[in-house]
Structures are given as structure tokens and as C-alpha cells.
Amino acid sequence: MTILRKQTSPRMSQVVVHGDTVYLAGQVPDDFTAPVAEQTRQVLSRIDRLLGEVGSERSKILSAQVWLADIGDFDAMNEIWEAWVDHDSPPARATCAVVLAHPAIRVEVIVVAAL
């Protein structure tokens, strides 16, 4: 079975498609100085764009992992998430507090979707 990798670097691929499944790398915001709500908007926009590049969309997200630098940001992140997520097809989701790769990143999201 063919594996498609997009936006690759020596470290990783931003998108991997295997069969009918799309795997995204952890998506972080462009603006690390923004508050968590804006960082969340940026991350979700990136997810929309990457899924669209391979013919998928948010209604086809199977699972999501949301990583927060501070679990105190949970409500602010969820406000943006809940406005964005497909209400007819919400994914399985887990959220946890973690130490992220850069101290100014407040949120990172990983998704697995169907084509």
C-alpha cells in the first residue's frame, strides 16, 4: 500500500496518508506571543488547510489529542474548539497538560482523520 508524505523535512512530515487514513503531525500556532484562544484558532486553521490538501476535512477527524502548556487554558481553548468542531461528527478527543517544545507555545493539536 502506498504511503504519501507531504511537507516533509529531515525531522518529520506534516501529513502522512496511508490507505484511507490521514495522520497530521502536532500543529502549533504561527504566533507564539498570542493568547491561547488565538493560538488555538491558528492551530485549527492549519489543520483545516492540511486536511484540505489531501482531500479530507474536519468532519472526517477520527481522533484528536490536544496538548496544553497550562491546563488552566482548558476553557479558553474549548471555546474556540467547540465553535470549530463539526457538531454532527465530533472526534474522539483527549486533552492533557504537557511541557511543549517552546515555552511560549500554549497549545498543540494532533489529529487522525479519514480521507
C-alpha atoms as a PDB file:
ATOM      1  CA  MET A   1       0.000   0.000   0.000  1.00  0.00           C
ATOM      2  CA  THR A   2       1.312   3.456  -0.916  1.00  0.00           C
ATOM      3  CA  ILE A   3       2.307   5.977   1.746  1.00  0.00           C
ATOM      4  CA  LEU A   4       2.035   9.659   0.811  1.00  0.00           C
ATOM      5  CA  ARG A   5       4.098  12.146   2.806  1.00  0.00           C
ATOM      6  CA  LYS A   6       3.600  15.910   2.441  1.00  0.00           C
ATOM      7  CA  GLN A   7       5.551  18.869   3.740  1.00  0.00           C
ATOM      8  CA  THR A   8       8.480  16.711   4.719  1.00  0.00           C
ATOM      9  CA  SER A   9      11.745  17.699   6.355  1.00  0.00           C
ATOM     10  CA  PRO A  10      14.623  15.622   7.693  1.00  0.00           C
ATOM     11  CA  ARG A  11      12.784  15.610  11.047  1.00  0.00           C
ATOM     12  CA  MET A  12       9.203  14.759  10.074  1.00  0.00           C
ATOM     13  CA  SER A  13       6.282  15.001   7.692  1.00  0.00           C
ATOM     14  CA  GLN A  14       3.414  17.349   8.471  1.00  0.00           C
ATOM     15  CA  VAL A  15       0.960  14.953   6.763  1.00  0.00           C
ATOM     16  CA  VAL A  16       1.127  11.213   6.165  1.00  0.00           C
ATOM     17  CA  VAL A  17      -1.597   9.370   4.261  1.00  0.00           C
ATOM     18  CA  HIS A  18      -1.739   5.586   4.418  1.00  0.00           C
ATOM     19  CA  GLY A  19      -4.729   3.864   2.895  1.00  0.00           C
ATOM     20  CA  ASP A  20      -7.768   5.925   3.808  1.00  0.00           C
ATOM     21  CA  THR A  21      -6.222   7.426   6.948  1.00  0.00           C
ATOM     22  CA  VAL A  22      -4.589  10.836   7.332  1.00  0.00           C
ATOM     23  CA  TYR A  23      -2.113  11.454  10.156  1.00  0.00           C
ATOM     24  CA  LEU A  24      -1.075  15.013  10.998  1.00  0.00           C
ATOM     25  CA  ALA A  25       1.993  15.969  12.971  1.00  0.00           C
ATOM     26  CA  GLY A  26       1.384  18.097  16.044  1.00  0.00           C
ATOM     27  CA  GLN A  27       0.232  21.507  14.851  1.00  0.00           C
ATOM     28  CA  VAL A  28       1.345  24.629  16.680  1.00  0.00           C
ATOM     29  CA  PRO A  29       0.449  28.298  16.158  1.00  0.00           C
ATOM     30  CA  ASP A  30       2.340  30.743  13.984  1.00  0.00           C
ATOM     31  CA  ASP A  31       2.300  33.465  16.636  1.00  0.00           C
ATOM     32  CA  PHE A  32       3.738  32.196  19.902  1.00  0.00           C
ATOM     33  CA  THR A  33       3.008  35.542  21.607  1.00  0.00           C
ATOM     34  CA  ALA A  34      -0.768  35.329  21.088  1.00  0.00           C
ATOM     35  CA  PRO A  35      -3.121  34.292  23.910  1.00  0.00           C
ATOM     36  CA  VAL A  36      -4.293  30.686  23.949  1.00  0.00           C
ATOM     37  CA  ALA A  37      -7.603  31.433  22.186  1.00  0.00           C
ATOM     38  CA  GLU A  38      -5.814  32.966  19.198  1.00  0.00           C
ATOM     39  CA  GLN A  39      -3.169  30.226  19.218  1.00  0.00           C
ATOM     40  CA  THR A  40      -5.995  27.670  19.121  1.00  0.00           C
ATOM     41  CA  ARG A  41      -7.617  29.447  16.140  1.00  0.00           C
ATOM     42  CA  GLN A  42      -4.298  29.382  14.304  1.00  0.00           C
ATOM     43  CA  VAL A  43      -3.754  25.684  15.009  1.00  0.00           C
ATOM     44  CA  LEU A  44      -7.256  24.725  13.883  1.00  0.00           C
ATOM     45  CA  SER A  45      -6.836  26.779  10.718  1.00  0.00           C
ATOM     46  CA  ARG A  46      -3.617  24.879   9.962  1.00  0.00           C
ATOM     47  CA  ILE A  47      -5.448  21.591  10.499  1.00  0.00           C
ATOM     48  CA  ASP A  48      -8.189  22.654   8.068  1.00  0.00           C
ATOM     49  CA  ARG A  49      -5.576  23.602   5.455  1.00  0.00           C
ATOM     50  CA  LEU A  50      -3.537  20.404   5.811  1.00  0.00           C
ATOM     51  CA  LEU A  51      -6.578  18.142   5.696  1.00  0.00           C
ATOM     52  CA  GLY A  52      -7.837  20.014   2.636  1.00  0.00           C
ATOM     53  CA  GLU A  53      -4.524  19.462   0.851  1.00  0.00           C
ATOM     54  CA  VAL A  54      -5.152  15.709   0.859  1.00  0.00           C
ATOM     55  CA  GLY A  55      -8.921  15.758   0.303  1.00  0.00           C
ATOM     56  CA  SER A  56     -10.129  15.440   3.890  1.00  0.00           C
ATOM     57  CA  GLU A  57     -11.902  17.853   6.232  1.00  0.00           C
ATOM     58  CA  ARG A  58     -12.748  18.404   9.888  1.00  0.00           C
ATOM     59  CA  SER A  59     -15.933  16.296   9.681  1.00  0.00           C
ATOM     60  CA  LYS A  60     -13.680  13.306   8.956  1.00  0.00           C
ATOM     61  CA  ILE A  61     -11.435  13.706  12.003  1.00  0.00           C
ATOM     62  CA  LEU A  62     -11.428  10.427  13.898  1.00  0.00           C
ATOM     63  CA  SER A  63      -9.384  11.433  16.928  1.00  0.00           C
ATOM     64  CA  ALA A  64      -7.650  14.475  18.340  1.00  0.00           C
ATOM     65  CA  GLN A  65      -5.066  14.984  21.039  1.00  0.00           C
ATOM     66  CA  VAL A  66      -4.961  18.485  22.493  1.00  0.00           C
ATOM     67  CA  TRP A  67      -1.865  19.391  24.457  1.00  0.00           C
ATOM     68  CA  LEU A  68      -1.951  22.478  26.671  1.00  0.00           C
ATOM     69  CA  ALA A  69       1.035  24.102  28.347  1.00  0.00           C
ATOM     70  CA  ASP A  70      -1.313  25.080  31.197  1.00  0.00           C
ATOM     71  CA  ILE A  71      -4.476  23.127  31.967  1.00  0.00           C
ATOM     72  CA  GLY A  72      -5.872  26.439  33.204  1.00  0.00           C
ATOM     73  CA  ASP A  73      -6.264  27.299  29.488  1.00  0.00           C
ATOM     74  CA  PHE A  74      -8.760  24.441  29.042  1.00  0.00           C
ATOM     75  CA  ASP A  75     -11.904  26.611  28.967  1.00  0.00           C
ATOM     76  CA  ALA A  76     -10.444  29.229  26.605  1.00  0.00           C
ATOM     77  CA  MET A  77      -9.206  26.527  24.218  1.00  0.00           C
ATOM     78  CA  ASN A  78     -12.547  24.688  24.388  1.00  0.00           C
ATOM     79  CA  GLU A  79     -14.494  27.824  23.497  1.00  0.00           C
ATOM     80  CA  ILE A  80     -12.609  28.020  20.183  1.00  0.00           C
ATOM     81  CA  TRP A  81     -12.646  24.230  19.667  1.00  0.00           C
ATOM     82  CA  GLU A  82     -16.401  23.974  20.185  1.00  0.00           C
ATOM     83  CA  ALA A  83     -17.094  26.725  17.642  1.00  0.00           C
ATOM     84  CA  TRP A  84     -14.842  24.934  15.117  1.00  0.00           C
ATOM     85  CA  VAL A  85     -15.532  21.209  15.544  1.00  0.00           C
ATOM     86  CA  ASP A  86     -18.123  19.510  13.334  1.00  0.00           C
ATOM     87  CA  HIS A  87     -21.031  19.068  15.752  1.00  0.00           C
ATOM     88  CA  ASP A  88     -22.534  16.214  13.735  1.00  0.00           C
ATOM     89  CA  SER A  89     -19.235  14.278  13.658  1.00  0.00           C
ATOM     90  CA  PRO A  90     -17.142  15.137  16.719  1.00  0.00           C
ATOM     91  CA  PRO A  91     -13.927  13.108  17.042  1.00  0.00           C
ATOM     92  CA  ALA A  92     -12.739  11.121  19.997  1.00  0.00           C
ATOM     93  CA  ARG A  93     -10.551  13.565  21.934  1.00  0.00           C
ATOM     94  CA  ALA A  94      -8.088  13.684  24.783  1.00  0.00           C
ATOM     95  CA  THR A  95      -6.669  16.816  26.400  1.00  0.00           C
ATOM     96  CA  CYS A  96      -3.727  16.978  28.760  1.00  0.00           C
ATOM     97  CA  ALA A  97      -1.203  19.421  30.173  1.00  0.00           C
ATOM     98  CA  VAL A  98       2.346  18.913  28.932  1.00  0.00           C
ATOM     99  CA  VAL A  99       5.643  20.715  28.563  1.00  0.00           C
ATOM    100  CA  LEU A 100       5.662  21.831  24.931  1.00  0.00           C
ATOM    101  CA  ALA A 101       8.682  22.300  22.655  1.00  0.00           C
ATOM    102  CA  HIS A 102       8.843  26.088  23.113  1.00  0.00           C
ATOM    103  CA  PRO A 103       7.854  27.842  26.352  1.00  0.00           C
ATOM    104  CA  ALA A 104       5.605  30.364  24.541  1.00  0.00           C
ATOM    105  CA  ILE A 105       3.505  27.700  22.780  1.00  0.00           C
ATOM    106  CA  ARG A 106       0.223  27.355  24.686  1.00  0.00           C
ATOM    107  CA  VAL A 107      -1.474  24.656  22.567  1.00  0.00           C
ATOM    108  CA  GLU A 108      -0.587  21.857  20.164  1.00  0.00           C
ATOM    109  CA  VAL A 109      -3.093  19.570  18.423  1.00  0.00           C
ATOM    110  CA  ILE A 110      -2.579  16.215  16.702  1.00  0.00           C
ATOM    111  CA  VAL A 111      -5.342  14.664  14.593  1.00  0.00           C
ATOM    112  CA  VAL A 112      -6.012  11.467  12.731  1.00  0.00           C
ATOM    113  CA  ALA A 113      -8.675  11.669  10.024  1.00  0.00           C
ATOM    114  CA  ALA A 114     -10.292   9.611   7.288  1.00  0.00           C
ATOM    115  CA  LEU A 115      -9.938  10.598   3.656  1.00  0.00           C
END
